[in-house]
Amino acid sequence: MPKALPVIDMSAPVCCAPVAAGPVDDAAALEVALRLKALADPARVRLMSLLLTSADGQENTGDLAAMVGLAESTVSHHLGQLKKAGLIESERRGMNTYHQARRDALSALCLVLDPNCCS
């Protein structure tokens, strides 16, 4: 059986020195890897793209499921993984849950990977 990764709090944007600044320690590598792992699925990349390009900046689960052509339960699972990684936030309103990308978390991840990416 594969070894499970340890559980860490990923609700805050990744916060460590850029990987290009020098060798990273185990804790920093784990923080970055868990966030990248959450994005390492084509459906999740599509969901992030839809959230980032949404006119309102948010979408509900049912609409996202229709846009990607997957069952709502499957989309909910993927959104849960993105939320656990701190890359999106969700808000329940009545019978619907609305999701939006956490741009601060995505920017922080980009800067950790390449500090020159956004300059």
PDB file of N, CA and C in Angstrom:
ATOM      1  N   MET A   1       0.844  -1.174   0.000  1.00  0.00           N
ATOM      2  CA  MET A   1       0.000   0.000   0.000  1.00  0.00           C
ATOM      3  C   MET A   1       0.887   1.234   0.000  1.00  0.00           C
ATOM      4  N   PRO A   2       0.534   2.263  -0.821  1.00  0.00           N
ATOM      5  CA  PRO A   2       1.355   3.471  -0.858  1.00  0.00           C
ATOM      6  C   PRO A   2       1.335   4.203   0.480  1.00  0.00           C
ATOM      7  N   LYS A   3       2.425   4.863   0.765  1.00  0.00           N
ATOM      8  CA  LYS A   3       2.537   5.633   2.000  1.00  0.00           C
ATOM      9  C   LYS A   3       1.717   6.918   1.869  1.00  0.00           C
ATOM     10  N   ALA A   4       0.871   7.186   2.845  1.00  0.00           N
ATOM     11  CA  ALA A   4       0.055   8.400   2.834  1.00  0.00           C
ATOM     12  C   ALA A   4       0.892   9.597   3.237  1.00  0.00           C
ATOM     13  N   LEU A   5       0.617  10.724   2.587  1.00  0.00           N
ATOM     14  CA  LEU A   5       1.305  11.957   2.957  1.00  0.00           C
ATOM     15  C   LEU A   5       0.750  12.460   4.273  1.00  0.00           C
ATOM     16  N   PRO A   6       1.561  13.106   5.079  1.00  0.00           N
ATOM     17  CA  PRO A   6       1.057  13.645   6.342  1.00  0.00           C
ATOM     18  C   PRO A   6       0.038  14.751   6.096  1.00  0.00           C
ATOM     19  N   VAL A   7      -0.851  14.941   7.041  1.00  0.00           N
ATOM     20  CA  VAL A   7      -1.863  15.982   6.936  1.00  0.00           C
ATOM     21  C   VAL A   7      -1.289  17.268   7.519  1.00  0.00           C
ATOM     22  N   ILE A   8      -1.352  18.333   6.737  1.00  0.00           N
ATOM     23  CA  ILE A   8      -0.909  19.645   7.217  1.00  0.00           C
ATOM     24  C   ILE A   8      -2.006  20.652   6.905  1.00  0.00           C
ATOM     25  N   ASP A   9      -2.020  21.754   7.618  1.00  0.00           N
ATOM     26  CA  ASP A   9      -2.994  22.803   7.375  1.00  0.00           C
ATOM     27  C   ASP A   9      -2.581  23.577   6.134  1.00  0.00           C
ATOM     28  N   MET A  10      -3.397  23.479   5.087  1.00  0.00           N
ATOM     29  CA  MET A  10      -3.094  24.176   3.843  1.00  0.00           C
ATOM     30  C   MET A  10      -4.085  25.291   3.578  1.00  0.00           C
ATOM     31  N   SER A  11      -4.783  25.749   4.612  1.00  0.00           N
ATOM     32  CA  SER A  11      -5.789  26.778   4.402  1.00  0.00           C
ATOM     33  C   SER A  11      -5.168  28.132   4.065  1.00  0.00           C
ATOM     34  N   ALA A  12      -3.967  28.385   4.534  1.00  0.00           N
ATOM     35  CA  ALA A  12      -3.272  29.637   4.211  1.00  0.00           C
ATOM     36  C   ALA A  12      -2.423  29.426   2.953  1.00  0.00           C
ATOM     37  N   PRO A  13      -2.185  30.494   2.192  1.00  0.00           N
ATOM     38  CA  PRO A  13      -1.310  30.348   1.022  1.00  0.00           C
ATOM     39  C   PRO A  13       0.065  29.820   1.432  1.00  0.00           C
ATOM     40  N   VAL A  14       0.678  29.104   0.525  1.00  0.00           N
ATOM     41  CA  VAL A  14       2.001  28.561   0.790  1.00  0.00           C
ATOM     42  C   VAL A  14       2.942  29.700   1.146  1.00  0.00           C
ATOM     43  N   CYS A  15       3.796  29.453   2.130  1.00  0.00           N
ATOM     44  CA  CYS A  15       4.651  30.524   2.618  1.00  0.00           C
ATOM     45  C   CYS A  15       6.035  29.963   2.908  1.00  0.00           C
ATOM     46  N   CYS A  16       6.856  30.011   1.922  1.00  0.00           N
ATOM     47  CA  CYS A  16       8.246  29.592   2.135  1.00  0.00           C
ATOM     48  C   CYS A  16       9.111  30.272   1.076  1.00  0.00           C
ATOM     49  N   ALA A  17      10.401  30.125   1.242  1.00  0.00           N
ATOM     50  CA  ALA A  17      11.328  30.735   0.287  1.00  0.00           C
ATOM     51  C   ALA A  17      11.152  30.077  -1.081  1.00  0.00           C
ATOM     52  N   PRO A  18      11.383  30.823  -2.139  1.00  0.00           N
ATOM     53  CA  PRO A  18      11.285  30.228  -3.483  1.00  0.00           C
ATOM     54  C   PRO A  18      12.195  29.013  -3.618  1.00  0.00           C
ATOM     55  N   VAL A  19      11.721  28.011  -4.341  1.00  0.00           N
ATOM     56  CA  VAL A  19      12.513  26.792  -4.499  1.00  0.00           C
ATOM     57  C   VAL A  19      13.816  27.075  -5.244  1.00  0.00           C
ATOM     58  N   ALA A  20      13.849  28.157  -6.010  1.00  0.00           N
ATOM     59  CA  ALA A  20      15.068  28.519  -6.729  1.00  0.00           C
ATOM     60  C   ALA A  20      16.070  29.252  -5.842  1.00  0.00           C
ATOM     61  N   ALA A  21      15.663  29.622  -4.620  1.00  0.00           N
ATOM     62  CA  ALA A  21      16.549  30.365  -3.720  1.00  0.00           C
ATOM     63  C   ALA A  21      17.605  29.470  -3.090  1.00  0.00           C
ATOM     64  N   GLY A  22      17.380  28.192  -3.105  1.00  0.00           N
ATOM     65  CA  GLY A  22      18.308  27.251  -2.500  1.00  0.00           C
ATOM     66  C   GLY A  22      17.572  25.984  -2.150  1.00  0.00           C
ATOM     67  N   PRO A  23      18.280  25.001  -1.670  1.00  0.00           N
ATOM     68  CA  PRO A  23      17.616  23.745  -1.318  1.00  0.00           C
ATOM     69  C   PRO A  23      16.519  23.980  -0.270  1.00  0.00           C
ATOM     70  N   VAL A  24      15.351  23.385  -0.502  1.00  0.00           N
ATOM     71  CA  VAL A  24      14.245  23.534   0.439  1.00  0.00           C
ATOM     72  C   VAL A  24      14.267  22.388   1.440  1.00  0.00           C
ATOM     73  N   ASP A  25      13.753  22.659   2.627  1.00  0.00           N
ATOM     74  CA  ASP A  25      13.691  21.600   3.630  1.00  0.00           C
ATOM     75  C   ASP A  25      12.464  20.721   3.385  1.00  0.00           C
ATOM     76  N   ASP A  26      12.350  19.656   4.141  1.00  0.00           N
ATOM     77  CA  ASP A  26      11.261  18.699   3.948  1.00  0.00           C
ATOM     78  C   ASP A  26       9.893  19.329   4.144  1.00  0.00           C
ATOM     79  N   ALA A  27       9.735  20.179   5.146  1.00  0.00           N
ATOM     80  CA  ALA A  27       8.433  20.784   5.435  1.00  0.00           C
ATOM     81  C   ALA A  27       7.986  21.694   4.290  1.00  0.00           C
ATOM     82  N   ALA A  28       8.893  22.501   3.778  1.00  0.00           N
ATOM     83  CA  ALA A  28       8.558  23.407   2.677  1.00  0.00           C
ATOM     84  C   ALA A  28       8.245  22.615   1.409  1.00  0.00           C
ATOM     85  N   ALA A  29       9.026  21.579   1.158  1.00  0.00           N
ATOM     86  CA  ALA A  29       8.781  20.742  -0.018  1.00  0.00           C
ATOM     87  C   ALA A  29       7.412  20.081   0.065  1.00  0.00           C
ATOM     88  N   LEU A  30       7.031  19.637   1.253  1.00  0.00           N
ATOM     89  CA  LEU A  30       5.728  19.011   1.441  1.00  0.00           C
ATOM     90  C   LEU A  30       4.602  20.011   1.203  1.00  0.00           C
ATOM     91  N   GLU A  31       4.747  21.231   1.719  1.00  0.00           N
ATOM     92  CA  GLU A  31       3.713  22.258   1.514  1.00  0.00           C
ATOM     93  C   GLU A  31       3.480  22.529   0.028  1.00  0.00           C
ATOM     94  N   VAL A  32       4.562  22.669  -0.716  1.00  0.00           N
ATOM     95  CA  VAL A  32       4.444  22.936  -2.147  1.00  0.00           C
ATOM     96  C   VAL A  32       3.879  21.716  -2.863  1.00  0.00           C
ATOM     97  N   ALA A  33       4.384  20.538  -2.542  1.00  0.00           N
ATOM     98  CA  ALA A  33       3.961  19.312  -3.224  1.00  0.00           C
ATOM     99  C   ALA A  33       2.480  19.024  -3.038  1.00  0.00           C
ATOM    100  N   LEU A  34       1.959  19.244  -1.839  1.00  0.00           N
ATOM    101  CA  LEU A  34       0.542  18.966  -1.604  1.00  0.00           C
ATOM    102  C   LEU A  34      -0.358  19.901  -2.412  1.00  0.00           C
ATOM    103  N   ARG A  35       0.056  21.127  -2.573  1.00  0.00           N
ATOM    104  CA  ARG A  35      -0.737  22.054  -3.383  1.00  0.00           C
ATOM    105  C   ARG A  35      -0.654  21.700  -4.866  1.00  0.00           C
ATOM    106  N   LEU A  36       0.531  21.325  -5.310  1.00  0.00           N
ATOM    107  CA  LEU A  36       0.673  20.917  -6.707  1.00  0.00           C
ATOM    108  C   LEU A  36      -0.091  19.624  -6.971  1.00  0.00           C
ATOM    109  N   LYS A  37      -0.096  18.728  -5.993  1.00  0.00           N
ATOM    110  CA  LYS A  37      -0.834  17.471  -6.134  1.00  0.00           C
ATOM    111  C   LYS A  37      -2.319  17.746  -6.340  1.00  0.00           C
ATOM    112  N   ALA A  38      -2.841  18.752  -5.657  1.00  0.00           N
ATOM    113  CA  ALA A  38      -4.254  19.105  -5.817  1.00  0.00           C
ATOM    114  C   ALA A  38      -4.552  19.582  -7.230  1.00  0.00           C
ATOM    115  N   LEU A  39      -3.585  20.158  -7.893  1.00  0.00           N
ATOM    116  CA  LEU A  39      -3.765  20.648  -9.257  1.00  0.00           C
ATOM    117  C   LEU A  39      -3.409  19.605 -10.315  1.00  0.00           C
ATOM    118  N   ALA A  40      -2.871  18.480  -9.903  1.00  0.00           N
ATOM    119  CA  ALA A  40      -2.359  17.481 -10.843  1.00  0.00           C
ATOM    120  C   ALA A  40      -3.468  16.577 -11.373  1.00  0.00           C
ATOM    121  N   ASP A  41      -4.532  17.163 -11.822  1.00  0.00           N
ATOM    122  CA  ASP A  41      -5.650  16.421 -12.404  1.00  0.00           C
ATOM    123  C   ASP A  41      -6.290  17.326 -13.451  1.00  0.00           C
ATOM    124  N   PRO A  42      -6.501  16.824 -14.656  1.00  0.00           N
ATOM    125  CA  PRO A  42      -7.071  17.672 -15.715  1.00  0.00           C
ATOM    126  C   PRO A  42      -8.422  18.284 -15.347  1.00  0.00           C
ATOM    127  N   ALA A  43      -9.265  17.543 -14.650  1.00  0.00           N
ATOM    128  CA  ALA A  43     -10.573  18.084 -14.260  1.00  0.00           C
ATOM    129  C   ALA A  43     -10.398  19.253 -13.291  1.00  0.00           C
ATOM    130  N   ARG A  44      -9.460  19.154 -12.385  1.00  0.00           N
ATOM    131  CA  ARG A  44      -9.236  20.236 -11.422  1.00  0.00           C
ATOM    132  C   ARG A  44      -8.642  21.461 -12.102  1.00  0.00           C
ATOM    133  N   VAL A  45      -7.779  21.243 -13.070  1.00  0.00           N
ATOM    134  CA  VAL A  45      -7.226  22.372 -13.825  1.00  0.00           C
ATOM    135  C   VAL A  45      -8.354  23.067 -14.588  1.00  0.00           C
ATOM    136  N   ARG A  46      -9.260  22.289 -15.183  1.00  0.00           N
ATOM    137  CA  ARG A  46     -10.407  22.892 -15.883  1.00  0.00           C
ATOM    138  C   ARG A  46     -11.294  23.662 -14.910  1.00  0.00           C
ATOM    139  N   LEU A  47     -11.546  23.093 -13.740  1.00  0.00           N
ATOM    140  CA  LEU A  47     -12.369  23.779 -12.743  1.00  0.00           C
ATOM    141  C   LEU A  47     -11.721  25.090 -12.309  1.00  0.00           C
ATOM    142  N   MET A  48     -10.421  25.069 -12.074  1.00  0.00           N
ATOM    143  CA  MET A  48      -9.717  26.303 -11.704  1.00  0.00           C
ATOM    144  C   MET A  48      -9.825  27.328 -12.830  1.00  0.00           C
ATOM    145  N   SER A  49      -9.679  26.886 -14.053  1.00  0.00           N
ATOM    146  CA  SER A  49      -9.777  27.790 -15.195  1.00  0.00           C
ATOM    147  C   SER A  49     -11.166  28.422 -15.264  1.00  0.00           C
ATOM    148  N   LEU A  50     -12.195  27.616 -15.050  1.00  0.00           N
ATOM    149  CA  LEU A  50     -13.563  28.143 -15.071  1.00  0.00           C
ATOM    150  C   LEU A  50     -13.788  29.153 -13.950  1.00  0.00           C
ATOM    151  N   LEU A  51     -13.272  28.861 -12.777  1.00  0.00           N
ATOM    152  CA  LEU A  51     -13.440  29.789 -11.655  1.00  0.00           C
ATOM    153  C   LEU A  51     -12.671  31.085 -11.888  1.00  0.00           C
ATOM    154  N   LEU A  52     -11.473  30.977 -12.443  1.00  0.00           N
ATOM    155  CA  LEU A  52     -10.647  32.163 -12.673  1.00  0.00           C
ATOM    156  C   LEU A  52     -11.190  33.047 -13.790  1.00  0.00           C
ATOM    157  N   THR A  53     -11.931  32.457 -14.723  1.00  0.00           N
ATOM    158  CA  THR A  53     -12.431  33.227 -15.867  1.00  0.00           C
ATOM    159  C   THR A  53     -13.928  33.528 -15.762  1.00  0.00           C
ATOM    160  N   SER A  54     -14.546  33.137 -14.671  1.00  0.00           N
ATOM    161  CA  SER A  54     -15.970  33.385 -14.478  1.00  0.00           C
ATOM    162  C   SER A  54     -16.257  34.886 -14.423  1.00  0.00           C
ATOM    163  N   ALA A  55     -17.339  35.298 -15.051  1.00  0.00           N
ATOM    164  CA  ALA A  55     -17.712  36.716 -15.060  1.00  0.00           C
ATOM    165  C   ALA A  55     -17.948  37.235 -13.646  1.00  0.00           C
ATOM    166  N   ASP A  56     -18.550  36.417 -12.792  1.00  0.00           N
ATOM    167  CA  ASP A  56     -18.823  36.807 -11.406  1.00  0.00           C
ATOM    168  C   ASP A  56     -17.674  36.471 -10.463  1.00  0.00           C
ATOM    169  N   GLY A  57     -16.698  35.703 -10.956  1.00  0.00           N
ATOM    170  CA  GLY A  57     -15.608  35.266 -10.095  1.00  0.00           C
ATOM    171  C   GLY A  57     -15.992  34.080  -9.232  1.00  0.00           C
ATOM    172  N   GLN A  58     -17.201  33.552  -9.453  1.00  0.00           N
ATOM    173  CA  GLN A  58     -17.653  32.394  -8.686  1.00  0.00           C
ATOM    174  C   GLN A  58     -18.662  31.606  -9.506  1.00  0.00           C
ATOM    175  N   GLU A  59     -18.772  30.338  -9.180  1.00  0.00           N
ATOM    176  CA  GLU A  59     -19.724  29.451  -9.858  1.00  0.00           C
ATOM    177  C   GLU A  59     -20.259  28.462  -8.835  1.00  0.00           C
ATOM    178  N   ASN A  60     -21.466  27.950  -9.085  1.00  0.00           N
ATOM    179  CA  ASN A  60     -21.976  26.932  -8.180  1.00  0.00           C
ATOM    180  C   ASN A  60     -21.633  25.535  -8.713  1.00  0.00           C
ATOM    181  N   THR A  61     -21.727  24.572  -7.853  1.00  0.00           N
ATOM    182  CA  THR A  61     -21.306  23.212  -8.174  1.00  0.00           C
ATOM    183  C   THR A  61     -22.048  22.657  -9.377  1.00  0.00           C
ATOM    184  N   GLY A  62     -23.360  22.855  -9.422  1.00  0.00           N
ATOM    185  CA  GLY A  62     -24.152  22.321 -10.538  1.00  0.00           C
ATOM    186  C   GLY A  62     -23.743  22.904 -11.872  1.00  0.00           C
ATOM    187  N   ASP A  63     -23.515  24.212 -11.911  1.00  0.00           N
ATOM    188  CA  ASP A  63     -23.088  24.845 -13.160  1.00  0.00           C
ATOM    189  C   ASP A  63     -21.705  24.360 -13.580  1.00  0.00           C
ATOM    190  N   LEU A  64     -20.808  24.220 -12.613  1.00  0.00           N
ATOM    191  CA  LEU A  64     -19.468  23.711 -12.933  1.00  0.00           C
ATOM    192  C   LEU A  64     -19.546  22.289 -13.482  1.00  0.00           C
ATOM    193  N   ALA A  65     -20.394  21.464 -12.884  1.00  0.00           N
ATOM    194  CA  ALA A  65     -20.544  20.081 -13.351  1.00  0.00           C
ATOM    195  C   ALA A  65     -21.019  20.052 -14.808  1.00  0.00           C
ATOM    196  N   ALA A  66     -21.978  20.911 -15.124  1.00  0.00           N
ATOM    197  CA  ALA A  66     -22.476  20.975 -16.502  1.00  0.00           C
ATOM    198  C   ALA A  66     -21.385  21.448 -17.458  1.00  0.00           C
ATOM    199  N   MET A  67     -20.581  22.402 -17.022  1.00  0.00           N
ATOM    200  CA  MET A  67     -19.528  22.949 -17.888  1.00  0.00           C
ATOM    201  C   MET A  67     -18.426  21.943 -18.185  1.00  0.00           C
ATOM    202  N   VAL A  68     -18.099  21.095 -17.217  1.00  0.00           N
ATOM    203  CA  VAL A  68     -17.015  20.119 -17.439  1.00  0.00           C
ATOM    204  C   VAL A  68     -17.542  18.757 -17.853  1.00  0.00           C
ATOM    205  N   GLY A  69     -18.864  18.578 -17.841  1.00  0.00           N
ATOM    206  CA  GLY A  69     -19.451  17.318 -18.288  1.00  0.00           C
ATOM    207  C   GLY A  69     -19.231  16.163 -17.323  1.00  0.00           C
ATOM    208  N   LEU A  70     -19.203  16.456 -16.039  1.00  0.00           N
ATOM    209  CA  LEU A  70     -19.026  15.422 -15.017  1.00  0.00           C
ATOM    210  C   LEU A  70     -20.202  15.464 -14.046  1.00  0.00           C
ATOM    211  N   ALA A  71     -20.384  14.391 -13.320  1.00  0.00           N
ATOM    212  CA  ALA A  71     -21.436  14.343 -12.312  1.00  0.00           C
ATOM    213  C   ALA A  71     -21.132  15.335 -11.195  1.00  0.00           C
ATOM    214  N   GLU A  72     -22.195  15.867 -10.592  1.00  0.00           N
ATOM    215  CA  GLU A  72     -22.002  16.824  -9.496  1.00  0.00           C
ATOM    216  C   GLU A  72     -21.185  16.213  -8.360  1.00  0.00           C
ATOM    217  N   SER A  73     -21.390  14.929  -8.083  1.00  0.00           N
ATOM    218  CA  SER A  73     -20.631  14.299  -6.998  1.00  0.00           C
ATOM    219  C   SER A  73     -19.144  14.253  -7.314  1.00  0.00           C
ATOM    220  N   THR A  74     -18.808  14.024  -8.571  1.00  0.00           N
ATOM    221  CA  THR A  74     -17.401  14.001  -8.983  1.00  0.00           C
ATOM    222  C   THR A  74     -16.802  15.403  -8.876  1.00  0.00           C
ATOM    223  N   VAL A  75     -17.551  16.392  -9.344  1.00  0.00           N
ATOM    224  CA  VAL A  75     -17.078  17.780  -9.268  1.00  0.00           C
ATOM    225  C   VAL A  75     -16.925  18.201  -7.805  1.00  0.00           C
ATOM    226  N   SER A  76     -17.873  17.799  -6.966  1.00  0.00           N
ATOM    227  CA  SER A  76     -17.777  18.115  -5.535  1.00  0.00           C
ATOM    228  C   SER A  76     -16.507  17.525  -4.932  1.00  0.00           C
ATOM    229  N   HIS A  77     -16.161  16.307  -5.325  1.00  0.00           N
ATOM    230  CA  HIS A  77     -14.920  15.685  -4.834  1.00  0.00           C
ATOM    231  C   HIS A  77     -13.713  16.516  -5.256  1.00  0.00           C
ATOM    232  N   HIS A  78     -13.653  16.879  -6.531  1.00  0.00           N
ATOM    233  CA  HIS A  78     -12.518  17.664  -7.031  1.00  0.00           C
ATOM    234  C   HIS A  78     -12.443  19.032  -6.343  1.00  0.00           C
ATOM    235  N   LEU A  79     -13.588  19.665  -6.183  1.00  0.00           N
ATOM    236  CA  LEU A  79     -13.611  20.964  -5.504  1.00  0.00           C
ATOM    237  C   LEU A  79     -13.169  20.820  -4.048  1.00  0.00           C
ATOM    238  N   GLY A  80     -13.525  19.717  -3.423  1.00  0.00           N
ATOM    239  CA  GLY A  80     -13.088  19.460  -2.055  1.00  0.00           C
ATOM    240  C   GLY A  80     -11.577  19.357  -1.949  1.00  0.00           C
ATOM    241  N   GLN A  81     -10.965  18.723  -2.937  1.00  0.00           N
ATOM    242  CA  GLN A  81      -9.500  18.614  -2.945  1.00  0.00           C
ATOM    243  C   GLN A  81      -8.853  19.980  -3.144  1.00  0.00           C
ATOM    244  N   LEU A  82      -9.422  20.780  -4.020  1.00  0.00           N
ATOM    245  CA  LEU A  82      -8.894  22.135  -4.237  1.00  0.00           C
ATOM    246  C   LEU A  82      -9.081  23.002  -3.000  1.00  0.00           C
ATOM    247  N   LYS A  83     -10.215  22.821  -2.331  1.00  0.00           N
ATOM    248  CA  LYS A  83     -10.471  23.591  -1.111  1.00  0.00           C
ATOM    249  C   LYS A  83      -9.521  23.165   0.002  1.00  0.00           C
ATOM    250  N   LYS A  84      -9.302  21.860   0.141  1.00  0.00           N
ATOM    251  CA  LYS A  84      -8.387  21.349   1.167  1.00  0.00           C
ATOM    252  C   LYS A  84      -6.973  21.877   0.937  1.00  0.00           C
ATOM    253  N   ALA A  85      -6.619  22.097  -0.319  1.00  0.00           N
ATOM    254  CA  ALA A  85      -5.301  22.638  -0.653  1.00  0.00           C
ATOM    255  C   ALA A  85      -5.250  24.154  -0.501  1.00  0.00           C
ATOM    256  N   GLY A  86      -6.377  24.766  -0.156  1.00  0.00           N
ATOM    257  CA  GLY A  86      -6.407  26.208   0.042  1.00  0.00           C
ATOM    258  C   GLY A  86      -6.456  27.014  -1.241  1.00  0.00           C
ATOM    259  N   LEU A  87      -6.784  26.353  -2.367  1.00  0.00           N
ATOM    260  CA  LEU A  87      -6.770  27.041  -3.657  1.00  0.00           C
ATOM    261  C   LEU A  87      -8.112  27.656  -4.028  1.00  0.00           C
ATOM    262  N   ILE A  88      -9.182  27.204  -3.384  1.00  0.00           N
ATOM    263  CA  ILE A  88     -10.497  27.804  -3.593  1.00  0.00           C
ATOM    264  C   ILE A  88     -11.171  27.983  -2.242  1.00  0.00           C
ATOM    265  N   GLU A  89     -12.211  28.784  -2.227  1.00  0.00           N
ATOM    266  CA  GLU A  89     -13.058  28.886  -1.048  1.00  0.00           C
ATOM    267  C   GLU A  89     -14.495  28.703  -1.496  1.00  0.00           C
ATOM    268  N   SER A  90     -15.319  28.195  -0.596  1.00  0.00           N
ATOM    269  CA  SER A  90     -16.698  27.871  -0.928  1.00  0.00           C
ATOM    270  C   SER A  90     -17.638  28.484   0.095  1.00  0.00           C
ATOM    271  N   GLU A  91     -18.833  28.796  -0.381  1.00  0.00           N
ATOM    272  CA  GLU A  91     -19.855  29.374   0.495  1.00  0.00           C
ATOM    273  C   GLU A  91     -21.200  28.753   0.143  1.00  0.00           C
ATOM    274  N   ARG A  92     -21.845  28.235   1.137  1.00  0.00           N
ATOM    275  CA  ARG A  92     -23.176  27.634   0.947  1.00  0.00           C
ATOM    276  C   ARG A  92     -24.226  28.736   0.999  1.00  0.00           C
ATOM    277  N   ARG A  93     -25.110  28.735  -0.015  1.00  0.00           N
ATOM    278  CA  ARG A  93     -26.230  29.675  -0.060  1.00  0.00           C
ATOM    279  C   ARG A  93     -27.487  28.887  -0.419  1.00  0.00           C
ATOM    280  N   GLY A  94     -28.302  28.637   0.582  1.00  0.00           N
ATOM    281  CA  GLY A  94     -29.500  27.838   0.361  1.00  0.00           C
ATOM    282  C   GLY A  94     -29.127  26.428  -0.055  1.00  0.00           C
ATOM    283  N   MET A  95     -29.634  26.002  -1.189  1.00  0.00           N
ATOM    284  CA  MET A  95     -29.374  24.648  -1.690  1.00  0.00           C
ATOM    285  C   MET A  95     -28.085  24.562  -2.514  1.00  0.00           C
ATOM    286  N   ASN A  96     -27.466  25.683  -2.800  1.00  0.00           N
ATOM    287  CA  ASN A  96     -26.282  25.697  -3.667  1.00  0.00           C
ATOM    288  C   ASN A  96     -25.023  26.069  -2.898  1.00  0.00           C
ATOM    289  N   THR A  97     -23.909  25.578  -3.413  1.00  0.00           N
ATOM    290  CA  THR A  97     -22.605  25.977  -2.891  1.00  0.00           C
ATOM    291  C   THR A  97     -21.865  26.691  -4.010  1.00  0.00           C
ATOM    292  N   TYR A  98     -21.389  27.884  -3.704  1.00  0.00           N
ATOM    293  CA  TYR A  98     -20.646  28.682  -4.669  1.00  0.00           C
ATOM    294  C   TYR A  98     -19.161  28.641  -4.335  1.00  0.00           C
ATOM    295  N   HIS A  99     -18.360  28.588  -5.378  1.00  0.00           N
ATOM    296  CA  HIS A  99     -16.915  28.447  -5.225  1.00  0.00           C
ATOM    297  C   HIS A  99     -16.216  29.579  -5.963  1.00  0.00           C
ATOM    298  N   GLN A 100     -15.084  30.002  -5.396  1.00  0.00           N
ATOM    299  CA  GLN A 100     -14.248  30.989  -6.086  1.00  0.00           C
ATOM    300  C   GLN A 100     -12.785  30.678  -5.820  1.00  0.00           C
ATOM    301  N   ALA A 101     -11.972  31.018  -6.794  1.00  0.00           N
ATOM    302  CA  ALA A 101     -10.531  30.781  -6.677  1.00  0.00           C
ATOM    303  C   ALA A 101      -9.934  31.732  -5.661  1.00  0.00           C
ATOM    304  N   ARG A 102      -8.951  31.258  -4.929  1.00  0.00           N
ATOM    305  CA  ARG A 102      -8.195  32.119  -4.013  1.00  0.00           C
ATOM    306  C   ARG A 102      -6.945  32.574  -4.763  1.00  0.00           C
ATOM    307  N   ARG A 103      -7.057  33.711  -5.386  1.00  0.00           N
ATOM    308  CA  ARG A 103      -5.948  34.230  -6.190  1.00  0.00           C
ATOM    309  C   ARG A 103      -4.693  34.460  -5.356  1.00  0.00           C
ATOM    310  N   ASP A 104      -4.864  34.825  -4.077  1.00  0.00           N
ATOM    311  CA  ASP A 104      -3.694  35.023  -3.224  1.00  0.00           C
ATOM    312  C   ASP A 104      -2.920  33.724  -3.051  1.00  0.00           C
ATOM    313  N   ALA A 105      -3.626  32.616  -2.922  1.00  0.00           N
ATOM    314  CA  ALA A 105      -2.960  31.321  -2.766  1.00  0.00           C
ATOM    315  C   ALA A 105      -2.268  30.903  -4.058  1.00  0.00           C
ATOM    316  N   LEU A 106      -2.911  31.164  -5.191  1.00  0.00           N
ATOM    317  CA  LEU A 106      -2.297  30.825  -6.477  1.00  0.00           C
ATOM    318  C   LEU A 106      -1.072  31.691  -6.740  1.00  0.00           C
ATOM    319  N   SER A 107      -1.164  32.967  -6.415  1.00  0.00           N
ATOM    320  CA  SER A 107      -0.017  33.860  -6.588  1.00  0.00           C
ATOM    321  C   SER A 107       1.148  33.435  -5.706  1.00  0.00           C
ATOM    322  N   ALA A 108       0.843  33.072  -4.470  1.00  0.00           N
ATOM    323  CA  ALA A 108       1.896  32.629  -3.554  1.00  0.00           C
ATOM    324  C   ALA A 108       2.576  31.363  -4.081  1.00  0.00           C
ATOM    325  N   LEU A 109       1.783  30.439  -4.626  1.00  0.00           N
ATOM    326  CA  LEU A 109       2.349  29.210  -5.181  1.00  0.00           C
ATOM    327  C   LEU A 109       3.240  29.533  -6.379  1.00  0.00           C
ATOM    328  N   CYS A 110       2.789  30.428  -7.239  1.00  0.00           N
ATOM    329  CA  CYS A 110       3.601  30.836  -8.392  1.00  0.00           C
ATOM    330  C   CYS A 110       4.930  31.441  -7.945  1.00  0.00           C
ATOM    331  N   LEU A 111       4.871  32.306  -6.945  1.00  0.00           N
ATOM    332  CA  LEU A 111       6.092  32.968  -6.463  1.00  0.00           C
ATOM    333  C   LEU A 111       7.054  31.990  -5.803  1.00  0.00           C
ATOM    334  N   VAL A 112       6.527  30.973  -5.156  1.00  0.00           N
ATOM    335  CA  VAL A 112       7.395  29.960  -4.553  1.00  0.00           C
ATOM    336  C   VAL A 112       8.090  29.145  -5.630  1.00  0.00           C
ATOM    337  N   LEU A 113       7.376  28.870  -6.710  1.00  0.00           N
ATOM    338  CA  LEU A 113       7.983  28.103  -7.804  1.00  0.00           C
ATOM    339  C   LEU A 113       8.979  28.931  -8.599  1.00  0.00           C
ATOM    340  N   ASP A 114       8.621  30.193  -8.866  1.00  0.00           N
ATOM    341  CA  ASP A 114       9.501  31.065  -9.635  1.00  0.00           C
ATOM    342  C   ASP A 114       9.276  32.507  -9.202  1.00  0.00           C
ATOM    343  N   PRO A 115      10.163  33.072  -8.424  1.00  0.00           N
ATOM    344  CA  PRO A 115       9.956  34.432  -7.923  1.00  0.00           C
ATOM    345  C   PRO A 115       9.934  35.486  -9.020  1.00  0.00           C
ATOM    346  N   ASN A 116      10.365  35.142 -10.227  1.00  0.00           N
ATOM    347  CA  ASN A 116      10.371  36.106 -11.335  1.00  0.00           C
ATOM    348  C   ASN A 116       9.163  35.962 -12.248  1.00  0.00           C
ATOM    349  N   CYS A 117       8.242  35.050 -11.903  1.00  0.00           N
ATOM    350  CA  CYS A 117       7.131  34.774 -12.813  1.00  0.00           C
ATOM    351  C   CYS A 117       6.164  35.935 -12.952  1.00  0.00           C
ATOM    352  N   CYS A 118       6.006  36.721 -11.944  1.00  0.00           N
ATOM    353  CA  CYS A 118       4.976  37.776 -11.970  1.00  0.00           C
ATOM    354  C   CYS A 118       5.562  39.168 -12.074  1.00  0.00           C
ATOM    355  N   SER A 119       6.820  39.260 -12.395  1.00  0.00           N
ATOM    356  CA  SER A 119       7.430  40.603 -12.468  1.00  0.00           C
ATOM    357  C   SER A 119       7.544  41.081 -13.895  1.00  0.00           C
TER     358      SER A 119
END
